[in-house]
Amino acid sequence: MIFRDRQDAGKRLAAALENYRGADAIVLAIPRGGVVVGYEVATALGLPLDVIIPRKIGAPYQPELAIGAICGDEYVLDDQTVKYLGVSQQYIAEEIERQKKEIERRWKLYRDDRPFPDLTGKTAIVVDDGIATGHTTMAAARAIRKKNPAKLVLAVPTAPPESAARLRPEVDELIVLDTPEPFFAVGSWYEVFDQTTDEEVIELLRRAEAHPAR
């Protein structure tokens, strides 16, 4: 399954989430690209949109190689990769602190210090534009679980089968439109996969707030 762009992926994902239309639910998108997908889902289903901000913990000298992820006070580590690369505990601690600061920066940028929504008794629908290793998504799911939602749903357009399998026990419902194998990368399954900017994220959140869920 090839998606034209994130808007197309969001519309298709909304169709798979149709039973949540108008429910006591909230879409929590993972920036940056996931917000484009999440906006389409929230708009189509008449749900509020907000963000959850996990960050990848990158390997030494290879920041794009994930050895784990953090979200709030929750972090996950890929112990096998950490051991294989010989990553020190000191490096991990320093990288976690660095990513916490970046989460705080983005939180203020995107949400202007508004308090995180009360999820008690609600359905939380976590949306991203795709999953690769699943580290950031797992950290986000665990952080959200601590907020006591009635139900935790993870919905993404694409993910490798092994990552989907690892994430299934972390949520109450997992929706993945396509699990291609071999997977390569999330962007491989989009015709257009441009980088989403902070400005785009802010604008989509502003639009969602200006037209609240019915």
N, C-alpha and C. Protein backbone atom coordinates (compact mmCIF):
# COMPACT_ATOMS: atom_id res chain seq x y z
N MET A 1 0.85 -1.19 0.00
CA MET A 1 0.00 0.00 0.00
C MET A 1 0.89 1.25 0.00
N ILE A 2 0.74 2.09 -1.00
CA ILE A 2 1.49 3.34 -1.09
C ILE A 2 0.53 4.50 -0.83
N PHE A 3 0.93 5.40 0.07
CA PHE A 3 0.13 6.58 0.37
C PHE A 3 0.63 7.76 -0.45
N ARG A 4 -0.29 8.57 -0.94
CA ARG A 4 0.11 9.72 -1.75
C ARG A 4 0.93 10.69 -0.90
N ASP A 5 0.42 11.02 0.27
CA ASP A 5 1.11 11.91 1.20
C ASP A 5 0.48 11.70 2.58
N ARG A 6 0.89 12.49 3.56
CA ARG A 6 0.37 12.30 4.91
C ARG A 6 -1.13 12.61 5.00
N GLN A 7 -1.59 13.56 4.21
CA GLN A 7 -3.03 13.86 4.20
C GLN A 7 -3.83 12.64 3.73
N ASP A 8 -3.37 12.03 2.68
CA ASP A 8 -4.02 10.82 2.16
C ASP A 8 -4.01 9.72 3.22
N ALA A 9 -2.86 9.54 3.88
CA ALA A 9 -2.75 8.51 4.92
C ALA A 9 -3.72 8.79 6.06
N GLY A 10 -3.86 10.06 6.43
CA GLY A 10 -4.77 10.43 7.51
C GLY A 10 -6.21 10.14 7.17
N LYS A 11 -6.60 10.43 5.94
CA LYS A 11 -7.98 10.16 5.51
C LYS A 11 -8.26 8.66 5.52
N ARG A 12 -7.31 7.86 5.06
CA ARG A 12 -7.50 6.41 5.06
C ARG A 12 -7.54 5.87 6.49
N LEU A 13 -6.72 6.44 7.35
CA LEU A 13 -6.70 6.00 8.74
C LEU A 13 -8.01 6.36 9.44
N ALA A 14 -8.53 7.55 9.12
CA ALA A 14 -9.82 7.97 9.69
C ALA A 14 -10.92 6.97 9.33
N ALA A 15 -10.90 6.46 8.12
CA ALA A 15 -11.91 5.48 7.70
C ALA A 15 -11.83 4.21 8.54
N ALA A 16 -10.61 3.83 8.91
CA ALA A 16 -10.43 2.63 9.74
C ALA A 16 -10.82 2.88 11.20
N LEU A 17 -10.94 4.15 11.58
CA LEU A 17 -11.30 4.53 12.95
C LEU A 17 -12.73 5.06 13.04
N GLU A 18 -13.53 4.77 12.04
CA GLU A 18 -14.87 5.35 11.92
C GLU A 18 -15.73 5.12 13.17
N ASN A 19 -15.52 4.01 13.87
CA ASN A 19 -16.37 3.72 15.03
C ASN A 19 -16.09 4.66 16.21
N TYR A 20 -15.04 5.49 16.09
CA TYR A 20 -14.75 6.48 17.14
C TYR A 20 -15.30 7.87 16.80
N ARG A 21 -16.03 7.97 15.73
CA ARG A 21 -16.60 9.27 15.34
C ARG A 21 -17.47 9.82 16.47
N GLY A 22 -17.17 11.03 16.91
CA GLY A 22 -17.96 11.69 17.93
C GLY A 22 -17.88 11.05 19.30
N ALA A 23 -16.95 10.12 19.51
CA ALA A 23 -16.83 9.44 20.81
C ALA A 23 -16.17 10.37 21.83
N ASP A 24 -16.16 9.93 23.08
CA ASP A 24 -15.43 10.66 24.13
C ASP A 24 -13.96 10.28 24.00
N ALA A 25 -13.34 10.84 22.98
CA ALA A 25 -11.98 10.45 22.61
C ALA A 25 -11.18 11.68 22.20
N ILE A 26 -9.87 11.51 22.18
CA ILE A 26 -8.98 12.59 21.74
C ILE A 26 -7.87 11.99 20.91
N VAL A 27 -7.50 12.66 19.84
CA VAL A 27 -6.38 12.24 18.98
C VAL A 27 -5.11 12.90 19.51
N LEU A 28 -4.12 12.08 19.83
CA LEU A 28 -2.83 12.57 20.29
C LEU A 28 -1.79 12.22 19.23
N ALA A 29 -1.37 13.23 18.49
CA ALA A 29 -0.45 13.01 17.37
C ALA A 29 0.99 13.18 17.82
N ILE A 30 1.88 12.42 17.19
CA ILE A 30 3.31 12.50 17.49
C ILE A 30 3.97 13.42 16.47
N PRO A 31 4.54 14.56 16.93
CA PRO A 31 5.20 15.48 15.99
C PRO A 31 6.47 14.86 15.43
N ARG A 32 6.90 15.30 14.19
CA ARG A 32 6.14 16.33 13.52
C ARG A 32 5.14 15.73 12.53
N GLY A 33 5.59 14.79 11.72
CA GLY A 33 4.76 14.28 10.64
C GLY A 33 3.44 13.69 11.09
N GLY A 34 3.42 13.12 12.28
CA GLY A 34 2.20 12.52 12.78
C GLY A 34 1.08 13.52 13.00
N VAL A 35 1.43 14.79 13.16
CA VAL A 35 0.40 15.81 13.38
C VAL A 35 -0.40 16.03 12.10
N VAL A 36 0.24 15.93 10.95
CA VAL A 36 -0.47 16.08 9.67
C VAL A 36 -1.49 14.95 9.53
N VAL A 37 -1.06 13.72 9.83
CA VAL A 37 -1.95 12.57 9.78
C VAL A 37 -3.05 12.71 10.83
N GLY A 38 -2.65 13.09 12.05
CA GLY A 38 -3.61 13.23 13.14
C GLY A 38 -4.65 14.29 12.90
N TYR A 39 -4.27 15.37 12.24
CA TYR A 39 -5.22 16.44 11.92
C TYR A 39 -6.33 15.91 11.01
N GLU A 40 -5.95 15.13 10.02
CA GLU A 40 -6.95 14.56 9.11
C GLU A 40 -7.88 13.61 9.86
N VAL A 41 -7.32 12.81 10.76
CA VAL A 41 -8.13 11.87 11.54
C VAL A 41 -9.11 12.63 12.44
N ALA A 42 -8.58 13.60 13.19
CA ALA A 42 -9.41 14.36 14.13
C ALA A 42 -10.52 15.12 13.40
N THR A 43 -10.18 15.74 12.28
CA THR A 43 -11.16 16.52 11.52
C THR A 43 -12.26 15.62 10.96
N ALA A 44 -11.87 14.48 10.40
CA ALA A 44 -12.84 13.56 9.80
C ALA A 44 -13.79 12.98 10.84
N LEU A 45 -13.28 12.73 12.05
CA LEU A 45 -14.08 12.04 13.06
C LEU A 45 -14.72 12.98 14.07
N GLY A 46 -14.47 14.29 13.93
CA GLY A 46 -15.05 15.24 14.86
C GLY A 46 -14.48 15.14 16.26
N LEU A 47 -13.15 14.90 16.35
CA LEU A 47 -12.49 14.72 17.64
C LEU A 47 -11.48 15.83 17.88
N PRO A 48 -11.21 16.15 19.14
CA PRO A 48 -10.15 17.13 19.44
C PRO A 48 -8.77 16.57 19.11
N LEU A 49 -7.84 17.48 18.84
CA LEU A 49 -6.47 17.11 18.48
C LEU A 49 -5.49 17.74 19.45
N ASP A 50 -4.54 16.94 19.89
CA ASP A 50 -3.44 17.45 20.70
C ASP A 50 -2.19 16.66 20.33
N VAL A 51 -1.11 16.91 21.05
CA VAL A 51 0.14 16.21 20.75
C VAL A 51 0.65 15.47 21.96
N ILE A 52 1.38 14.41 21.70
CA ILE A 52 2.21 13.73 22.70
C ILE A 52 3.61 13.72 22.11
N ILE A 53 4.61 14.06 22.93
CA ILE A 53 5.94 14.33 22.36
C ILE A 53 7.00 13.38 22.93
N PRO A 54 7.19 12.24 22.29
CA PRO A 54 8.34 11.39 22.63
C PRO A 54 9.55 11.83 21.81
N ARG A 55 10.71 11.39 22.24
CA ARG A 55 11.94 11.68 21.48
C ARG A 55 12.81 10.45 21.44
N LYS A 56 13.43 10.25 20.30
CA LYS A 56 14.36 9.15 20.13
C LYS A 56 15.63 9.39 20.94
N ILE A 57 16.18 8.33 21.52
CA ILE A 57 17.51 8.38 22.12
C ILE A 57 18.47 7.82 21.07
N GLY A 58 19.30 8.70 20.55
CA GLY A 58 20.18 8.32 19.45
C GLY A 58 21.49 7.71 19.93
N ALA A 59 22.09 6.91 19.08
CA ALA A 59 23.37 6.27 19.41
C ALA A 59 24.52 7.28 19.32
N PRO A 60 25.60 7.04 20.05
CA PRO A 60 26.77 7.93 19.95
C PRO A 60 27.28 8.01 18.52
N TYR A 61 27.48 9.24 18.04
CA TYR A 61 28.01 9.51 16.70
C TYR A 61 27.06 9.07 15.57
N GLN A 62 25.91 8.51 15.95
CA GLN A 62 24.91 8.10 14.95
C GLN A 62 23.53 8.47 15.48
N PRO A 63 23.23 9.77 15.54
CA PRO A 63 21.99 10.21 16.18
C PRO A 63 20.72 9.68 15.52
N GLU A 64 20.80 9.28 14.26
CA GLU A 64 19.62 8.74 13.58
C GLU A 64 19.36 7.29 13.95
N LEU A 65 20.35 6.63 14.55
CA LEU A 65 20.19 5.23 14.98
C LEU A 65 19.62 5.21 16.38
N ALA A 66 18.39 4.74 16.53
CA ALA A 66 17.72 4.76 17.83
C ALA A 66 18.21 3.61 18.71
N ILE A 67 18.55 3.95 19.94
CA ILE A 67 18.83 2.93 20.94
C ILE A 67 17.74 2.92 22.01
N GLY A 68 16.74 3.77 21.82
CA GLY A 68 15.63 3.85 22.76
C GLY A 68 14.85 5.13 22.51
N ALA A 69 13.99 5.47 23.48
CA ALA A 69 13.19 6.69 23.37
C ALA A 69 12.68 7.08 24.73
N ILE A 70 12.28 8.35 24.84
CA ILE A 70 11.77 8.89 26.10
C ILE A 70 10.50 9.69 25.83
N CYS A 71 9.58 9.63 26.80
CA CYS A 71 8.37 10.46 26.75
C CYS A 71 7.95 10.70 28.20
N GLY A 72 7.97 11.95 28.63
CA GLY A 72 7.69 12.24 30.02
C GLY A 72 8.72 11.57 30.91
N ASP A 73 8.26 10.83 31.91
CA ASP A 73 9.16 10.09 32.79
C ASP A 73 9.39 8.66 32.32
N GLU A 74 8.81 8.31 31.19
CA GLU A 74 8.94 6.95 30.66
C GLU A 74 10.04 6.88 29.61
N TYR A 75 10.91 5.90 29.72
CA TYR A 75 11.87 5.68 28.64
C TYR A 75 12.04 4.19 28.40
N VAL A 76 12.34 3.87 27.16
CA VAL A 76 12.60 2.49 26.78
C VAL A 76 13.97 2.43 26.13
N LEU A 77 14.65 1.33 26.33
CA LEU A 77 15.97 1.13 25.74
C LEU A 77 16.00 -0.20 24.98
N ASP A 78 16.70 -0.19 23.86
CA ASP A 78 16.95 -1.41 23.11
C ASP A 78 18.22 -2.01 23.69
N ASP A 79 18.05 -2.89 24.67
CA ASP A 79 19.22 -3.41 25.40
C ASP A 79 20.20 -4.13 24.49
N GLN A 80 19.69 -4.81 23.48
CA GLN A 80 20.57 -5.55 22.57
C GLN A 80 21.47 -4.60 21.79
N THR A 81 20.88 -3.51 21.27
CA THR A 81 21.68 -2.52 20.53
C THR A 81 22.65 -1.78 21.44
N VAL A 82 22.18 -1.44 22.64
CA VAL A 82 23.05 -0.76 23.62
C VAL A 82 24.28 -1.63 23.91
N LYS A 83 24.06 -2.91 24.13
CA LYS A 83 25.16 -3.83 24.43
C LYS A 83 26.08 -4.00 23.22
N TYR A 84 25.48 -4.15 22.04
CA TYR A 84 26.27 -4.37 20.82
C TYR A 84 27.19 -3.17 20.53
N LEU A 85 26.66 -1.97 20.76
CA LEU A 85 27.43 -0.76 20.48
C LEU A 85 28.33 -0.35 21.65
N GLY A 86 28.17 -1.00 22.78
CA GLY A 86 28.97 -0.66 23.95
C GLY A 86 28.66 0.73 24.49
N VAL A 87 27.39 1.12 24.48
CA VAL A 87 27.00 2.46 24.92
C VAL A 87 27.04 2.55 26.44
N SER A 88 27.69 3.56 26.95
CA SER A 88 27.86 3.70 28.40
C SER A 88 26.59 4.24 29.05
N GLN A 89 26.43 3.93 30.33
CA GLN A 89 25.30 4.45 31.09
C GLN A 89 25.38 5.97 31.22
N GLN A 90 26.59 6.49 31.28
CA GLN A 90 26.76 7.94 31.35
C GLN A 90 26.22 8.60 30.08
N TYR A 91 26.56 8.03 28.93
CA TYR A 91 26.05 8.58 27.67
C TYR A 91 24.53 8.55 27.65
N ILE A 92 23.96 7.41 28.05
CA ILE A 92 22.50 7.27 28.03
C ILE A 92 21.85 8.32 28.92
N ALA A 93 22.40 8.51 30.13
CA ALA A 93 21.84 9.50 31.06
C ALA A 93 21.91 10.90 30.47
N GLU A 94 23.05 11.23 29.84
CA GLU A 94 23.21 12.56 29.25
C GLU A 94 22.28 12.76 28.06
N GLU A 95 22.12 11.71 27.25
CA GLU A 95 21.24 11.81 26.08
C GLU A 95 19.78 11.94 26.51
N ILE A 96 19.40 11.24 27.58
CA ILE A 96 18.03 11.36 28.09
C ILE A 96 17.77 12.80 28.54
N GLU A 97 18.72 13.40 29.24
CA GLU A 97 18.55 14.78 29.69
C GLU A 97 18.46 15.74 28.51
N ARG A 98 19.27 15.49 27.48
CA ARG A 98 19.25 16.35 26.30
C ARG A 98 17.89 16.26 25.60
N GLN A 99 17.35 15.06 25.51
CA GLN A 99 16.06 14.89 24.84
C GLN A 99 14.91 15.44 25.69
N LYS A 100 15.04 15.38 27.01
CA LYS A 100 14.03 15.99 27.89
C LYS A 100 13.94 17.49 27.64
N LYS A 101 15.10 18.12 27.44
CA LYS A 101 15.12 19.56 27.17
C LYS A 101 14.47 19.86 25.81
N GLU A 102 14.72 19.00 24.84
CA GLU A 102 14.10 19.20 23.52
C GLU A 102 12.58 19.00 23.59
N ILE A 103 12.14 18.02 24.38
CA ILE A 103 10.70 17.82 24.57
C ILE A 103 10.08 19.06 25.20
N GLU A 104 10.76 19.61 26.21
CA GLU A 104 10.25 20.81 26.88
C GLU A 104 10.18 21.98 25.91
N ARG A 105 11.20 22.12 25.05
CA ARG A 105 11.21 23.21 24.07
C ARG A 105 10.02 23.07 23.12
N ARG A 106 9.81 21.87 22.62
CA ARG A 106 8.71 21.65 21.68
C ARG A 106 7.35 21.80 22.37
N TRP A 107 7.29 21.36 23.60
CA TRP A 107 6.04 21.48 24.35
C TRP A 107 5.61 22.94 24.43
N LYS A 108 6.54 23.81 24.78
CA LYS A 108 6.24 25.25 24.88
C LYS A 108 5.93 25.83 23.50
N LEU A 109 6.66 25.39 22.49
CA LEU A 109 6.48 25.90 21.14
C LEU A 109 5.11 25.52 20.59
N TYR A 110 4.74 24.26 20.75
CA TYR A 110 3.50 23.77 20.15
C TYR A 110 2.26 24.10 20.99
N ARG A 111 2.42 24.11 22.32
CA ARG A 111 1.24 24.15 23.18
C ARG A 111 1.18 25.40 24.05
N ASP A 112 2.23 26.20 24.04
CA ASP A 112 2.23 27.47 24.78
C ASP A 112 1.88 27.26 26.26
N ASP A 113 2.46 26.21 26.84
CA ASP A 113 2.31 25.92 28.28
C ASP A 113 0.88 25.55 28.70
N ARG A 114 0.00 25.26 27.75
CA ARG A 114 -1.32 24.77 28.14
C ARG A 114 -1.17 23.42 28.83
N PRO A 115 -1.97 23.14 29.86
CA PRO A 115 -1.85 21.86 30.54
C PRO A 115 -2.24 20.71 29.62
N PHE A 116 -1.65 19.56 29.86
CA PHE A 116 -1.99 18.38 29.08
C PHE A 116 -3.44 18.01 29.36
N PRO A 117 -4.19 17.60 28.35
CA PRO A 117 -5.61 17.28 28.56
C PRO A 117 -5.81 16.14 29.55
N ASP A 118 -6.89 16.21 30.29
CA ASP A 118 -7.26 15.15 31.23
C ASP A 118 -7.79 13.96 30.42
N LEU A 119 -7.11 12.83 30.51
CA LEU A 119 -7.49 11.66 29.72
C LEU A 119 -8.34 10.68 30.52
N THR A 120 -8.58 10.97 31.77
CA THR A 120 -9.32 10.04 32.62
C THR A 120 -10.69 9.72 32.02
N GLY A 121 -10.91 8.42 31.79
CA GLY A 121 -12.19 7.98 31.25
C GLY A 121 -12.37 8.17 29.76
N LYS A 122 -11.38 8.74 29.09
CA LYS A 122 -11.48 8.99 27.65
C LYS A 122 -10.75 7.89 26.86
N THR A 123 -11.03 7.85 25.58
CA THR A 123 -10.25 7.03 24.67
C THR A 123 -9.14 7.89 24.07
N ALA A 124 -7.90 7.48 24.26
CA ALA A 124 -6.75 8.19 23.69
C ALA A 124 -6.32 7.46 22.42
N ILE A 125 -6.35 8.19 21.30
CA ILE A 125 -5.96 7.61 20.01
C ILE A 125 -4.62 8.22 19.60
N VAL A 126 -3.56 7.44 19.72
CA VAL A 126 -2.22 7.90 19.36
C VAL A 126 -1.99 7.68 17.87
N VAL A 127 -1.57 8.74 17.18
CA VAL A 127 -1.41 8.68 15.73
C VAL A 127 -0.02 9.15 15.33
N ASP A 128 0.60 8.43 14.41
CA ASP A 128 1.85 8.86 13.81
C ASP A 128 1.79 8.57 12.32
N ASP A 129 2.80 9.04 11.56
CA ASP A 129 2.77 8.80 10.12
C ASP A 129 3.34 7.43 9.75
N GLY A 130 3.82 6.71 10.76
CA GLY A 130 4.35 5.38 10.55
C GLY A 130 5.26 4.99 11.70
N ILE A 131 5.61 3.72 11.76
CA ILE A 131 6.47 3.19 12.82
C ILE A 131 7.65 2.49 12.17
N ALA A 132 8.83 2.73 12.70
CA ALA A 132 10.01 1.99 12.25
C ALA A 132 10.39 1.00 13.35
N THR A 133 11.25 1.41 14.28
CA THR A 133 11.61 0.50 15.38
C THR A 133 10.50 0.38 16.41
N GLY A 134 9.71 1.45 16.56
CA GLY A 134 8.63 1.45 17.55
C GLY A 134 9.03 1.99 18.91
N HIS A 135 10.29 2.41 19.08
CA HIS A 135 10.74 2.90 20.38
C HIS A 135 9.96 4.13 20.84
N THR A 136 9.86 5.14 19.96
CA THR A 136 9.20 6.38 20.37
C THR A 136 7.71 6.13 20.63
N THR A 137 7.10 5.29 19.82
CA THR A 137 5.68 5.00 20.00
C THR A 137 5.44 4.26 21.31
N MET A 138 6.33 3.33 21.65
CA MET A 138 6.20 2.60 22.90
C MET A 138 6.33 3.52 24.10
N ALA A 139 7.30 4.43 24.05
CA ALA A 139 7.47 5.39 25.14
C ALA A 139 6.23 6.27 25.29
N ALA A 140 5.68 6.71 24.16
CA ALA A 140 4.48 7.54 24.19
C ALA A 140 3.30 6.77 24.79
N ALA A 141 3.14 5.52 24.37
CA ALA A 141 2.03 4.71 24.87
C ALA A 141 2.13 4.51 26.38
N ARG A 142 3.32 4.26 26.86
CA ARG A 142 3.50 4.04 28.30
C ARG A 142 3.25 5.32 29.09
N ALA A 143 3.67 6.45 28.54
CA ALA A 143 3.42 7.73 29.21
C ALA A 143 1.93 8.04 29.26
N ILE A 144 1.23 7.76 28.17
CA ILE A 144 -0.21 8.01 28.12
C ILE A 144 -0.97 7.07 29.05
N ARG A 145 -0.52 5.82 29.14
CA ARG A 145 -1.18 4.85 30.02
C ARG A 145 -1.23 5.36 31.45
N LYS A 146 -0.20 6.09 31.86
CA LYS A 146 -0.16 6.65 33.21
C LYS A 146 -1.20 7.73 33.44
N LYS A 147 -1.79 8.25 32.36
CA LYS A 147 -2.81 9.30 32.46
C LYS A 147 -4.22 8.72 32.63
N ASN A 148 -4.30 7.40 32.78
CA ASN A 148 -5.57 6.71 33.07
C ASN A 148 -6.67 6.86 32.02
N PRO A 149 -6.34 6.70 30.75
CA PRO A 149 -7.43 6.70 29.75
C PRO A 149 -8.26 5.43 29.92
N ALA A 150 -9.52 5.51 29.50
CA ALA A 150 -10.37 4.31 29.54
C ALA A 150 -9.90 3.29 28.51
N LYS A 151 -9.36 3.80 27.40
CA LYS A 151 -8.89 2.93 26.32
C LYS A 151 -7.74 3.62 25.60
N LEU A 152 -6.74 2.85 25.23
CA LEU A 152 -5.58 3.38 24.51
C LEU A 152 -5.50 2.71 23.14
N VAL A 153 -5.61 3.53 22.11
CA VAL A 153 -5.58 3.04 20.73
C VAL A 153 -4.35 3.60 20.04
N LEU A 154 -3.65 2.77 19.30
CA LEU A 154 -2.53 3.22 18.47
C LEU A 154 -2.92 2.99 17.03
N ALA A 155 -2.86 4.06 16.22
CA ALA A 155 -3.28 3.98 14.82
C ALA A 155 -2.23 4.61 13.92
N VAL A 156 -1.70 3.83 12.98
CA VAL A 156 -0.68 4.33 12.06
C VAL A 156 -0.93 3.76 10.67
N PRO A 157 -0.47 4.46 9.64
CA PRO A 157 -0.65 3.95 8.28
C PRO A 157 0.21 2.72 7.98
N THR A 158 1.45 2.71 8.47
CA THR A 158 2.37 1.64 8.08
C THR A 158 3.36 1.33 9.18
N ALA A 159 3.77 0.06 9.25
CA ALA A 159 4.76 -0.38 10.24
C ALA A 159 5.28 -1.75 9.83
N PRO A 160 6.52 -2.08 10.18
CA PRO A 160 6.99 -3.43 9.92
C PRO A 160 6.29 -4.43 10.84
N PRO A 161 6.09 -5.64 10.39
CA PRO A 161 5.35 -6.63 11.19
C PRO A 161 5.92 -6.84 12.59
N GLU A 162 7.25 -6.87 12.71
CA GLU A 162 7.85 -7.15 14.02
C GLU A 162 7.63 -6.00 15.00
N SER A 163 7.65 -4.76 14.52
CA SER A 163 7.38 -3.62 15.39
C SER A 163 5.92 -3.61 15.83
N ALA A 164 5.02 -3.91 14.90
CA ALA A 164 3.60 -3.98 15.24
C ALA A 164 3.36 -5.04 16.31
N ALA A 165 4.04 -6.17 16.18
CA ALA A 165 3.88 -7.25 17.16
C ALA A 165 4.37 -6.83 18.54
N ARG A 166 5.48 -6.09 18.59
CA ARG A 166 6.02 -5.63 19.88
C ARG A 166 5.08 -4.63 20.54
N LEU A 167 4.41 -3.82 19.75
CA LEU A 167 3.57 -2.76 20.29
C LEU A 167 2.17 -3.24 20.68
N ARG A 168 1.74 -4.34 20.13
CA ARG A 168 0.37 -4.79 20.37
C ARG A 168 0.04 -4.95 21.87
N PRO A 169 0.96 -5.52 22.69
CA PRO A 169 0.63 -5.67 24.11
C PRO A 169 0.61 -4.35 24.88
N GLU A 170 1.14 -3.28 24.28
CA GLU A 170 1.24 -1.99 24.97
C GLU A 170 -0.05 -1.18 24.91
N VAL A 171 -0.96 -1.57 24.01
CA VAL A 171 -2.19 -0.78 23.79
C VAL A 171 -3.41 -1.69 23.84
N ASP A 172 -4.59 -1.08 23.92
CA ASP A 172 -5.82 -1.85 23.92
C ASP A 172 -6.28 -2.21 22.51
N GLU A 173 -5.92 -1.36 21.56
CA GLU A 173 -6.25 -1.63 20.16
C GLU A 173 -5.15 -1.07 19.27
N LEU A 174 -4.72 -1.88 18.33
CA LEU A 174 -3.68 -1.46 17.38
C LEU A 174 -4.27 -1.52 15.97
N ILE A 175 -4.18 -0.38 15.27
CA ILE A 175 -4.65 -0.31 13.89
C ILE A 175 -3.47 0.09 13.01
N VAL A 176 -3.07 -0.80 12.13
CA VAL A 176 -2.01 -0.54 11.16
C VAL A 176 -2.57 -0.89 9.79
N LEU A 177 -2.62 0.08 8.89
CA LEU A 177 -3.22 -0.15 7.58
C LEU A 177 -2.41 -1.10 6.72
N ASP A 178 -1.08 -1.09 6.90
CA ASP A 178 -0.24 -1.95 6.07
C ASP A 178 1.03 -2.31 6.83
N THR A 179 1.41 -3.59 6.76
CA THR A 179 2.64 -4.06 7.40
C THR A 179 3.53 -4.74 6.35
N PRO A 180 4.12 -3.93 5.48
CA PRO A 180 4.91 -4.50 4.38
C PRO A 180 6.20 -5.15 4.87
N GLU A 181 6.65 -6.12 4.11
CA GLU A 181 7.91 -6.79 4.42
C GLU A 181 8.61 -7.17 3.12
N PRO A 182 9.85 -6.77 2.88
CA PRO A 182 10.69 -5.98 3.78
C PRO A 182 10.18 -4.54 3.90
N PHE A 183 10.50 -3.89 5.03
CA PHE A 183 9.90 -2.59 5.33
C PHE A 183 10.74 -1.42 4.82
N PHE A 184 12.04 -1.46 4.98
CA PHE A 184 12.97 -0.38 4.62
C PHE A 184 12.81 0.82 5.55
N ALA A 185 11.90 1.76 5.25
CA ALA A 185 11.72 2.96 6.07
C ALA A 185 10.31 3.47 5.88
N VAL A 186 9.82 4.28 6.82
CA VAL A 186 8.46 4.81 6.73
C VAL A 186 8.25 5.55 5.41
N GLY A 187 9.21 6.40 5.04
CA GLY A 187 9.09 7.21 3.84
C GLY A 187 9.01 6.41 2.55
N SER A 188 9.41 5.14 2.60
CA SER A 188 9.36 4.30 1.41
C SER A 188 7.93 4.04 0.95
N TRP A 189 6.96 4.25 1.85
CA TRP A 189 5.57 3.90 1.55
C TRP A 189 4.72 5.14 1.29
N TYR A 190 5.40 6.26 1.02
CA TYR A 190 4.74 7.51 0.65
C TYR A 190 5.32 8.01 -0.66
N GLU A 191 4.46 8.51 -1.53
CA GLU A 191 4.95 9.16 -2.75
C GLU A 191 5.61 10.50 -2.40
N VAL A 192 5.00 11.23 -1.47
CA VAL A 192 5.54 12.51 -1.00
C VAL A 192 5.73 12.40 0.50
N PHE A 193 6.96 12.58 0.97
CA PHE A 193 7.26 12.45 2.40
C PHE A 193 8.21 13.58 2.82
N ASP A 194 7.75 14.81 2.55
CA ASP A 194 8.56 15.97 2.90
C ASP A 194 8.62 16.13 4.42
N GLN A 195 9.69 16.78 4.87
CA GLN A 195 9.81 17.03 6.30
C GLN A 195 8.75 18.04 6.74
N THR A 196 8.06 17.73 7.82
CA THR A 196 7.08 18.65 8.39
C THR A 196 7.80 19.64 9.30
N THR A 197 7.45 20.91 9.21
CA THR A 197 8.11 21.94 10.01
C THR A 197 7.34 22.22 11.30
N ASP A 198 8.04 22.87 12.23
CA ASP A 198 7.37 23.31 13.46
C ASP A 198 6.21 24.24 13.14
N GLU A 199 6.41 25.09 12.16
CA GLU A 199 5.36 26.05 11.79
C GLU A 199 4.10 25.34 11.31
N GLU A 200 4.27 24.26 10.56
CA GLU A 200 3.12 23.49 10.09
C GLU A 200 2.38 22.85 11.27
N VAL A 201 3.15 22.31 12.22
CA VAL A 201 2.55 21.69 13.40
C VAL A 201 1.72 22.72 14.16
N ILE A 202 2.29 23.89 14.41
CA ILE A 202 1.60 24.95 15.14
C ILE A 202 0.33 25.37 14.41
N GLU A 203 0.41 25.50 13.10
CA GLU A 203 -0.75 25.92 12.31
C GLU A 203 -1.88 24.88 12.37
N LEU A 204 -1.54 23.61 12.28
CA LEU A 204 -2.56 22.57 12.33
C LEU A 204 -3.22 22.50 13.70
N LEU A 205 -2.43 22.66 14.75
CA LEU A 205 -3.00 22.68 16.10
C LEU A 205 -3.89 23.90 16.29
N ARG A 206 -3.48 25.02 15.70
CA ARG A 206 -4.30 26.24 15.79
C ARG A 206 -5.63 26.04 15.07
N ARG A 207 -5.56 25.44 13.88
CA ARG A 207 -6.79 25.20 13.12
C ARG A 207 -7.73 24.26 13.89
N ALA A 208 -7.16 23.21 14.48
CA ALA A 208 -7.98 22.25 15.23
C ALA A 208 -8.63 22.92 16.43
N GLU A 209 -7.92 23.81 17.07
CA GLU A 209 -8.46 24.52 18.23
C GLU A 209 -9.54 25.51 17.82
N ALA A 210 -9.36 26.11 16.65
CA ALA A 210 -10.34 27.09 16.17
C ALA A 210 -11.65 26.44 15.73
N HIS A 211 -11.58 25.16 15.37
CA HIS A 211 -12.78 24.44 14.95
C HIS A 211 -12.90 23.20 15.84
N PRO A 212 -13.29 23.41 17.11
CA PRO A 212 -13.32 22.28 18.05
C PRO A 212 -14.30 21.20 17.63
N ALA A 213 -14.07 20.02 18.19
CA ALA A 213 -14.92 18.88 17.85
C ALA A 213 -16.36 19.16 18.21
N ARG A 214 -17.25 18.66 17.35
CA ARG A 214 -18.68 18.86 17.58
C ARG A 214 -19.17 17.95 18.69
